[in-house]
Amino acid sequence: MRIKLINIGNSKGFRVPQPLLEESGIEDEADISVKKGELKVVPIKKNAKIDPFLRASEEVFARDWLRPEEEEAWKAYQSDK
Protein backbone atom coordinates (compact mmCIF):
# COMPACT_ATOMS: atom_id res chain seq x y z
CA MET A 1 0.00 0.00 0.00
CA ARG A 2 1.43 3.36 -1.01
CA ILE A 3 1.05 6.25 1.44
CA LYS A 4 2.08 9.91 1.47
CA LEU A 5 4.29 11.36 4.17
CA ILE A 6 3.16 14.64 5.69
CA ASN A 7 5.24 17.39 7.27
CA ILE A 8 4.72 17.75 11.01
CA GLY A 9 7.08 20.48 12.19
CA ASN A 10 10.61 19.15 11.70
CA SER A 11 9.30 15.59 11.40
CA LYS A 12 7.30 13.53 8.93
CA GLY A 13 4.25 11.41 9.61
CA PHE A 14 1.70 9.17 7.94
CA ARG A 15 -1.72 7.74 8.68
CA VAL A 16 -2.18 4.04 9.19
CA PRO A 17 -5.44 2.78 7.64
CA GLN A 18 -7.85 1.10 10.07
CA PRO A 19 -7.69 -2.36 8.41
CA LEU A 20 -3.90 -2.41 8.86
CA LEU A 21 -4.21 -1.36 12.50
CA GLU A 22 -6.72 -4.13 13.14
CA GLU A 23 -4.60 -6.76 11.42
CA SER A 24 -1.41 -5.66 13.22
CA GLY A 25 -2.97 -5.61 16.68
CA ILE A 26 -1.75 -2.06 17.32
CA GLU A 27 -4.12 -0.26 19.68
CA ASP A 28 -2.71 2.56 21.81
CA GLU A 29 1.06 2.15 21.68
CA ALA A 30 3.64 0.71 19.34
CA ASP A 31 7.39 0.24 19.24
CA ILE A 32 9.10 1.62 16.13
CA SER A 33 12.61 0.71 15.01
CA VAL A 34 14.69 0.93 11.86
CA LYS A 35 16.80 -1.80 10.30
CA LYS A 36 18.46 -1.73 6.87
CA GLY A 37 16.36 1.18 5.64
CA GLU A 38 12.99 -0.21 6.80
CA LEU A 39 10.71 0.92 9.61
CA LYS A 40 9.30 -1.81 11.82
CA VAL A 41 6.24 -1.00 13.92
CA VAL A 42 4.98 -3.58 16.41
CA PRO A 43 2.25 -3.34 19.02
CA ILE A 44 3.13 -2.90 22.67
CA LYS A 45 0.94 -5.15 24.75
CA LYS A 46 -0.54 -3.72 27.93
CA ASN A 47 1.57 -4.57 31.01
CA ALA A 48 4.48 -5.54 28.75
CA LYS A 49 7.94 -5.30 30.29
CA ILE A 50 9.98 -2.66 28.46
CA ASP A 51 13.67 -3.17 27.76
CA PRO A 52 15.82 -0.48 29.48
CA PHE A 53 17.31 0.47 26.09
CA LEU A 54 13.82 1.12 24.71
CA ARG A 55 12.90 3.15 27.79
CA ALA A 56 15.99 5.32 27.18
CA SER A 57 14.92 5.71 23.54
CA GLU A 58 11.47 6.84 24.69
CA GLU A 59 13.07 9.46 26.94
CA VAL A 60 15.11 10.82 24.01
CA PHE A 61 11.95 10.82 21.86
CA ALA A 62 10.00 12.74 24.50
CA ARG A 63 12.82 15.26 24.95
CA ASP A 64 13.59 15.80 21.27
CA TRP A 65 10.30 15.26 19.44
CA LEU A 66 7.42 16.06 21.76
CA ARG A 67 7.86 19.80 21.64
CA PRO A 68 5.17 22.48 21.54
CA GLU A 69 6.11 23.54 18.01
CA GLU A 70 5.57 19.95 16.79
CA GLU A 71 2.10 19.93 18.35
CA GLU A 72 1.27 23.29 16.77
CA ALA A 73 2.41 22.07 13.35
CA TRP A 74 0.24 18.97 13.70
CA LYS A 75 -2.79 21.09 14.72
CA ALA A 76 -2.21 23.40 11.75
CA TYR A 77 -2.01 20.41 9.40
CA GLN A 78 -5.25 18.93 10.77
CA SER A 79 -7.13 22.23 10.45
CA ASP A 80 -6.13 22.43 6.75
CA LYS A 81 -7.98 19.18 5.99
C-alpha atoms as a PDB file:
ATOM      1  CA  MET A   1       0.000   0.000   0.000  1.00  0.00           C
ATOM      2  CA  ARG A   2       1.432   3.355  -1.008  1.00  0.00           C
ATOM      3  CA  ILE A   3       1.054   6.250   1.440  1.00  0.00           C
ATOM      4  CA  LYS A   4       2.077   9.907   1.467  1.00  0.00           C
ATOM      5  CA  LEU A   5       4.286  11.359   4.174  1.00  0.00           C
ATOM      6  CA  ILE A   6       3.162  14.635   5.685  1.00  0.00           C
ATOM      7  CA  ASN A   7       5.236  17.387   7.270  1.00  0.00           C
ATOM      8  CA  ILE A   8       4.718  17.754  11.014  1.00  0.00           C
ATOM      9  CA  GLY A   9       7.076  20.478  12.191  1.00  0.00           C
ATOM     10  CA  ASN A  10      10.607  19.151  11.704  1.00  0.00           C
ATOM     11  CA  SER A  11       9.298  15.592  11.395  1.00  0.00           C
ATOM     12  CA  LYS A  12       7.303  13.527   8.927  1.00  0.00           C
ATOM     13  CA  GLY A  13       4.253  11.413   9.611  1.00  0.00           C
ATOM     14  CA  PHE A  14       1.702   9.167   7.944  1.00  0.00           C
ATOM     15  CA  ARG A  15      -1.722   7.743   8.678  1.00  0.00           C
ATOM     16  CA  VAL A  16      -2.183   4.036   9.186  1.00  0.00           C
ATOM     17  CA  PRO A  17      -5.438   2.778   7.641  1.00  0.00           C
ATOM     18  CA  GLN A  18      -7.847   1.104  10.071  1.00  0.00           C
ATOM     19  CA  PRO A  19      -7.685  -2.359   8.408  1.00  0.00           C
ATOM     20  CA  LEU A  20      -3.895  -2.407   8.858  1.00  0.00           C
ATOM     21  CA  LEU A  21      -4.214  -1.356  12.505  1.00  0.00           C
ATOM     22  CA  GLU A  22      -6.724  -4.126  13.138  1.00  0.00           C
ATOM     23  CA  GLU A  23      -4.597  -6.764  11.417  1.00  0.00           C
ATOM     24  CA  SER A  24      -1.413  -5.655  13.217  1.00  0.00           C
ATOM     25  CA  GLY A  25      -2.974  -5.610  16.679  1.00  0.00           C
ATOM     26  CA  ILE A  26      -1.751  -2.059  17.321  1.00  0.00           C
ATOM     27  CA  GLU A  27      -4.119  -0.262  19.677  1.00  0.00           C
ATOM     28  CA  ASP A  28      -2.714   2.561  21.814  1.00  0.00           C
ATOM     29  CA  GLU A  29       1.057   2.151  21.684  1.00  0.00           C
ATOM     30  CA  ALA A  30       3.644   0.707  19.338  1.00  0.00           C
ATOM     31  CA  ASP A  31       7.387   0.241  19.236  1.00  0.00           C
ATOM     32  CA  ILE A  32       9.099   1.623  16.130  1.00  0.00           C
ATOM     33  CA  SER A  33      12.612   0.706  15.006  1.00  0.00           C
ATOM     34  CA  VAL A  34      14.695   0.926  11.864  1.00  0.00           C
ATOM     35  CA  LYS A  35      16.796  -1.802  10.300  1.00  0.00           C
ATOM     36  CA  LYS A  36      18.455  -1.731   6.873  1.00  0.00           C
ATOM     37  CA  GLY A  37      16.357   1.176   5.639  1.00  0.00           C
ATOM     38  CA  GLU A  38      12.993  -0.206   6.799  1.00  0.00           C
ATOM     39  CA  LEU A  39      10.713   0.919   9.607  1.00  0.00           C
ATOM     40  CA  LYS A  40       9.302  -1.805  11.817  1.00  0.00           C
ATOM     41  CA  VAL A  41       6.243  -1.004  13.925  1.00  0.00           C
ATOM     42  CA  VAL A  42       4.977  -3.585  16.407  1.00  0.00           C
ATOM     43  CA  PRO A  43       2.246  -3.339  19.020  1.00  0.00           C
ATOM     44  CA  ILE A  44       3.127  -2.902  22.674  1.00  0.00           C
ATOM     45  CA  LYS A  45       0.936  -5.148  24.746  1.00  0.00           C
ATOM     46  CA  LYS A  46      -0.535  -3.721  27.930  1.00  0.00           C
ATOM     47  CA  ASN A  47       1.566  -4.565  31.005  1.00  0.00           C
ATOM     48  CA  ALA A  48       4.482  -5.542  28.753  1.00  0.00           C
ATOM     49  CA  LYS A  49       7.936  -5.305  30.291  1.00  0.00           C
ATOM     50  CA  ILE A  50       9.975  -2.660  28.462  1.00  0.00           C
ATOM     51  CA  ASP A  51      13.671  -3.171  27.763  1.00  0.00           C
ATOM     52  CA  PRO A  52      15.823  -0.481  29.479  1.00  0.00           C
ATOM     53  CA  PHE A  53      17.310   0.471  26.087  1.00  0.00           C
ATOM     54  CA  LEU A  54      13.822   1.124  24.710  1.00  0.00           C
ATOM     55  CA  ARG A  55      12.900   3.149  27.789  1.00  0.00           C
ATOM     56  CA  ALA A  56      15.987   5.322  27.180  1.00  0.00           C
ATOM     57  CA  SER A  57      14.919   5.712  23.541  1.00  0.00           C
ATOM     58  CA  GLU A  58      11.471   6.843  24.693  1.00  0.00           C
ATOM     59  CA  GLU A  59      13.073   9.464  26.936  1.00  0.00           C
ATOM     60  CA  VAL A  60      15.109  10.816  24.008  1.00  0.00           C
ATOM     61  CA  PHE A  61      11.953  10.822  21.863  1.00  0.00           C
ATOM     62  CA  ALA A  62       9.999  12.742  24.496  1.00  0.00           C
ATOM     63  CA  ARG A  63      12.816  15.255  24.953  1.00  0.00           C
ATOM     64  CA  ASP A  64      13.592  15.804  21.271  1.00  0.00           C
ATOM     65  CA  TRP A  65      10.295  15.260  19.444  1.00  0.00           C
ATOM     66  CA  LEU A  66       7.419  16.058  21.757  1.00  0.00           C
ATOM     67  CA  ARG A  67       7.864  19.797  21.640  1.00  0.00           C
ATOM     68  CA  PRO A  68       5.165  22.480  21.542  1.00  0.00           C
ATOM     69  CA  GLU A  69       6.109  23.537  18.006  1.00  0.00           C
ATOM     70  CA  GLU A  70       5.567  19.953  16.786  1.00  0.00           C
ATOM     71  CA  GLU A  71       2.104  19.930  18.346  1.00  0.00           C
ATOM     72  CA  GLU A  72       1.274  23.293  16.767  1.00  0.00           C
ATOM     73  CA  ALA A  73       2.414  22.075  13.347  1.00  0.00           C
ATOM     74  CA  TRP A  74       0.236  18.974  13.699  1.00  0.00           C
ATOM     75  CA  LYS A  75      -2.790  21.088  14.715  1.00  0.00           C
ATOM     76  CA  ALA A  76      -2.207  23.398  11.748  1.00  0.00           C
ATOM     77  CA  TYR A  77      -2.010  20.406   9.404  1.00  0.00           C
ATOM     78  CA  GLN A  78      -5.248  18.932  10.770  1.00  0.00           C
ATOM     79  CA  SER A  79      -7.125  22.234  10.453  1.00  0.00           C
ATOM     80  CA  ASP A  80      -6.127  22.427   6.754  1.00  0.00           C
ATOM     81  CA  LYS A  81      -7.984  19.183   5.989  1.00  0.00           C
END
